[in-house]
Amino acid sequence: MEQRIKTFNEYTRYIRVRSAPEDKFVEFDFAIGYPELFVELVLPRDAFKVFCEHNNVVHMDSDMIRQIDEDMIKWRFGEKGHR
């Protein structure tokens, strides 16, 4: 059975908010398809809301965040989960 390749628009868009709720600007990570491959973005609160609606984003859950953070530490310091 042949597996169909997803089109670009079919990939899930992920976000991870890094700023505090009371901050004027929202700092966040944005990924398409692969949560571990993200860009860091900053938008005013109203623009962030529109951005999220337009991209139908999924908030990264705590397990995704933990795995990404552990992998970043591994690449930075050489051992997964250890500084």
N, C-alpha and C. Protein backbone atom coordinates (compact mmCIF):
# COMPACT_ATOMS: atom_id res chain seq x y z
N MET A 1 0.83 -1.17 0.00
CA MET A 1 0.00 0.00 0.00
C MET A 1 0.89 1.25 0.00
N GLU A 2 0.64 2.13 -0.92
CA GLU A 2 1.45 3.34 -1.07
C GLU A 2 1.04 4.39 -0.04
N GLN A 3 2.04 4.96 0.63
CA GLN A 3 1.76 6.00 1.64
C GLN A 3 1.78 7.36 0.97
N ARG A 4 0.73 8.13 1.21
CA ARG A 4 0.62 9.45 0.62
C ARG A 4 1.47 10.44 1.41
N ILE A 5 2.18 11.28 0.71
CA ILE A 5 2.99 12.32 1.34
C ILE A 5 2.11 13.52 1.65
N LYS A 6 2.25 14.06 2.86
CA LYS A 6 1.46 15.23 3.24
C LYS A 6 1.87 16.44 2.42
N THR A 7 0.90 17.29 2.12
CA THR A 7 1.22 18.58 1.51
C THR A 7 1.66 19.52 2.63
N PHE A 8 2.29 20.60 2.28
CA PHE A 8 2.78 21.56 3.27
C PHE A 8 1.67 22.02 4.21
N ASN A 9 0.51 22.31 3.67
CA ASN A 9 -0.60 22.81 4.49
C ASN A 9 -1.21 21.76 5.41
N GLU A 10 -0.88 20.51 5.23
CA GLU A 10 -1.40 19.44 6.08
C GLU A 10 -0.57 19.20 7.33
N TYR A 11 0.63 19.78 7.39
CA TYR A 11 1.48 19.59 8.56
C TYR A 11 0.94 20.39 9.74
N THR A 12 1.03 19.80 10.92
CA THR A 12 0.61 20.46 12.15
C THR A 12 1.57 21.59 12.47
N ARG A 13 1.00 22.70 12.93
CA ARG A 13 1.79 23.85 13.38
C ARG A 13 1.80 23.85 14.91
N TYR A 14 2.99 23.90 15.48
CA TYR A 14 3.15 23.85 16.93
C TYR A 14 3.67 25.19 17.45
N ILE A 15 3.24 25.55 18.66
CA ILE A 15 3.81 26.71 19.33
C ILE A 15 4.15 26.35 20.77
N ARG A 16 5.13 27.09 21.26
CA ARG A 16 5.52 27.01 22.68
C ARG A 16 5.74 28.44 23.14
N VAL A 17 4.87 28.93 23.99
CA VAL A 17 4.98 30.30 24.48
C VAL A 17 6.05 30.35 25.56
N ARG A 18 6.94 31.32 25.44
CA ARG A 18 8.04 31.46 26.39
C ARG A 18 7.90 32.71 27.26
N SER A 19 7.06 33.63 26.89
CA SER A 19 6.91 34.88 27.66
C SER A 19 5.84 34.72 28.73
N ALA A 20 5.83 35.64 29.66
CA ALA A 20 4.83 35.64 30.74
C ALA A 20 3.50 36.19 30.22
N PRO A 21 2.39 35.75 30.79
CA PRO A 21 1.07 36.20 30.33
C PRO A 21 0.87 37.71 30.37
N GLU A 22 1.54 38.39 31.27
CA GLU A 22 1.35 39.84 31.38
C GLU A 22 2.28 40.66 30.48
N ASP A 23 3.19 40.02 29.77
CA ASP A 23 4.12 40.73 28.88
C ASP A 23 3.38 41.35 27.71
N LYS A 24 3.88 42.50 27.26
CA LYS A 24 3.27 43.22 26.14
C LYS A 24 3.41 42.44 24.83
N PHE A 25 4.55 41.78 24.66
CA PHE A 25 4.81 40.98 23.47
C PHE A 25 4.84 39.51 23.84
N VAL A 26 4.46 38.66 22.91
CA VAL A 26 4.49 37.22 23.11
C VAL A 26 5.73 36.67 22.42
N GLU A 27 6.60 36.06 23.20
CA GLU A 27 7.77 35.37 22.67
C GLU A 27 7.40 33.90 22.58
N PHE A 28 7.63 33.29 21.42
CA PHE A 28 7.22 31.90 21.26
C PHE A 28 8.05 31.19 20.20
N ASP A 29 8.05 29.86 20.31
CA ASP A 29 8.67 29.00 19.30
C ASP A 29 7.56 28.54 18.37
N PHE A 30 7.87 28.48 17.08
CA PHE A 30 6.89 28.06 16.08
C PHE A 30 7.53 26.98 15.21
N ALA A 31 6.82 25.85 15.07
CA ALA A 31 7.33 24.74 14.28
C ALA A 31 6.24 24.23 13.36
N ILE A 32 6.65 23.75 12.20
CA ILE A 32 5.71 23.15 11.24
C ILE A 32 6.11 21.70 11.04
N GLY A 33 5.24 20.80 11.48
CA GLY A 33 5.45 19.38 11.26
C GLY A 33 6.34 18.68 12.27
N TYR A 34 7.41 19.32 12.68
CA TYR A 34 8.38 18.72 13.58
C TYR A 34 8.65 19.68 14.73
N PRO A 35 8.11 19.43 15.92
CA PRO A 35 8.24 20.38 17.03
C PRO A 35 9.68 20.72 17.39
N GLU A 36 10.60 19.81 17.12
CA GLU A 36 12.00 20.05 17.49
C GLU A 36 12.73 20.99 16.53
N LEU A 37 12.11 21.29 15.38
CA LEU A 37 12.69 22.22 14.41
C LEU A 37 11.84 23.48 14.41
N PHE A 38 12.25 24.47 15.19
CA PHE A 38 11.42 25.65 15.37
C PHE A 38 12.20 26.93 15.16
N VAL A 39 11.44 28.00 14.97
CA VAL A 39 12.00 29.34 14.93
C VAL A 39 11.45 30.10 16.13
N GLU A 40 12.22 31.05 16.60
CA GLU A 40 11.78 31.88 17.72
C GLU A 40 11.17 33.15 17.14
N LEU A 41 9.96 33.48 17.58
CA LEU A 41 9.26 34.65 17.07
C LEU A 41 8.76 35.51 18.21
N VAL A 42 8.50 36.79 17.91
CA VAL A 42 7.93 37.73 18.87
C VAL A 42 6.86 38.53 18.14
N LEU A 43 5.68 38.61 18.75
CA LEU A 43 4.57 39.37 18.18
C LEU A 43 3.82 40.10 19.28
N PRO A 44 3.19 41.25 18.94
CA PRO A 44 2.27 41.86 19.90
C PRO A 44 1.12 40.89 20.18
N ARG A 45 0.50 41.00 21.35
CA ARG A 45 -0.55 40.06 21.77
C ARG A 45 -1.65 39.88 20.72
N ASP A 46 -2.17 40.97 20.18
CA ASP A 46 -3.26 40.85 19.20
C ASP A 46 -2.81 40.13 17.93
N ALA A 47 -1.61 40.43 17.47
CA ALA A 47 -1.07 39.77 16.28
C ALA A 47 -0.83 38.30 16.55
N PHE A 48 -0.39 37.98 17.76
CA PHE A 48 -0.15 36.58 18.13
C PHE A 48 -1.46 35.79 18.06
N LYS A 49 -2.53 36.38 18.56
CA LYS A 49 -3.83 35.70 18.52
C LYS A 49 -4.25 35.42 17.07
N VAL A 50 -4.10 36.39 16.20
CA VAL A 50 -4.44 36.21 14.78
C VAL A 50 -3.54 35.15 14.16
N PHE A 51 -2.25 35.20 14.47
CA PHE A 51 -1.28 34.23 13.96
C PHE A 51 -1.70 32.80 14.33
N CYS A 52 -2.07 32.61 15.60
CA CYS A 52 -2.47 31.28 16.08
C CYS A 52 -3.74 30.80 15.38
N GLU A 53 -4.71 31.68 15.22
CA GLU A 53 -5.95 31.30 14.54
C GLU A 53 -5.69 30.97 13.08
N HIS A 54 -4.90 31.79 12.42
CA HIS A 54 -4.60 31.57 11.00
C HIS A 54 -3.87 30.26 10.76
N ASN A 55 -2.98 29.90 11.68
CA ASN A 55 -2.17 28.68 11.51
C ASN A 55 -2.76 27.47 12.21
N ASN A 56 -3.90 27.65 12.88
CA ASN A 56 -4.55 26.53 13.57
C ASN A 56 -3.54 25.77 14.43
N VAL A 57 -2.85 26.51 15.30
CA VAL A 57 -1.72 25.96 16.05
C VAL A 57 -2.15 24.98 17.13
N VAL A 58 -1.18 24.14 17.49
CA VAL A 58 -1.32 23.21 18.61
C VAL A 58 -0.24 23.60 19.61
N HIS A 59 -0.63 23.80 20.87
CA HIS A 59 0.35 24.11 21.91
C HIS A 59 1.12 22.84 22.24
N MET A 60 2.44 22.97 22.30
CA MET A 60 3.26 21.82 22.68
C MET A 60 2.90 21.42 24.11
N ASP A 61 2.80 20.12 24.34
CA ASP A 61 2.49 19.66 25.69
C ASP A 61 3.79 19.48 26.49
N SER A 62 3.65 19.20 27.77
CA SER A 62 4.83 19.13 28.65
C SER A 62 5.80 18.04 28.22
N ASP A 63 5.31 16.92 27.69
CA ASP A 63 6.21 15.86 27.23
C ASP A 63 7.03 16.30 26.02
N MET A 64 6.38 16.97 25.08
CA MET A 64 7.10 17.47 23.90
C MET A 64 8.17 18.47 24.32
N ILE A 65 7.79 19.38 25.21
CA ILE A 65 8.72 20.41 25.68
C ILE A 65 9.91 19.76 26.38
N ARG A 66 9.65 18.79 27.25
CA ARG A 66 10.73 18.11 27.98
C ARG A 66 11.69 17.43 27.00
N GLN A 67 11.15 16.72 26.00
CA GLN A 67 12.00 16.02 25.03
C GLN A 67 12.84 17.00 24.23
N ILE A 68 12.25 18.10 23.82
CA ILE A 68 12.98 19.11 23.05
C ILE A 68 14.08 19.72 23.90
N ASP A 69 13.76 20.07 25.15
CA ASP A 69 14.76 20.65 26.04
C ASP A 69 15.91 19.68 26.30
N GLU A 70 15.60 18.40 26.52
CA GLU A 70 16.65 17.41 26.74
C GLU A 70 17.55 17.26 25.52
N ASP A 71 16.95 17.29 24.34
CA ASP A 71 17.73 17.17 23.11
C ASP A 71 18.62 18.40 22.92
N MET A 72 18.10 19.58 23.25
CA MET A 72 18.91 20.80 23.14
C MET A 72 20.11 20.74 24.08
N ILE A 73 19.90 20.23 25.29
CA ILE A 73 21.00 20.09 26.25
C ILE A 73 22.02 19.10 25.72
N LYS A 74 21.53 18.00 25.12
CA LYS A 74 22.45 17.00 24.57
C LYS A 74 23.35 17.62 23.50
N TRP A 75 22.77 18.41 22.61
CA TRP A 75 23.58 19.01 21.55
C TRP A 75 24.51 20.08 22.09
N ARG A 76 24.09 20.76 23.13
CA ARG A 76 24.91 21.84 23.69
C ARG A 76 26.02 21.30 24.59
N PHE A 77 25.72 20.26 25.38
CA PHE A 77 26.66 19.81 26.39
C PHE A 77 27.16 18.37 26.18
N GLY A 78 26.60 17.63 25.22
CA GLY A 78 27.12 16.32 24.88
C GLY A 78 26.44 15.14 25.51
N GLU A 79 25.61 15.34 26.55
CA GLU A 79 24.89 14.24 27.17
C GLU A 79 23.45 14.62 27.32
N LYS A 80 22.57 13.73 26.93
CA LYS A 80 21.15 14.02 27.00
C LYS A 80 20.71 14.27 28.45
N GLY A 81 20.15 15.44 28.67
CA GLY A 81 19.60 15.77 29.98
C GLY A 81 20.59 16.20 31.04
N HIS A 82 21.88 16.33 30.68
CA HIS A 82 22.90 16.72 31.67
C HIS A 82 23.68 17.92 31.19
N ARG A 83 23.85 18.87 32.08
CA ARG A 83 24.66 20.06 31.76
C ARG A 83 26.08 19.86 32.19
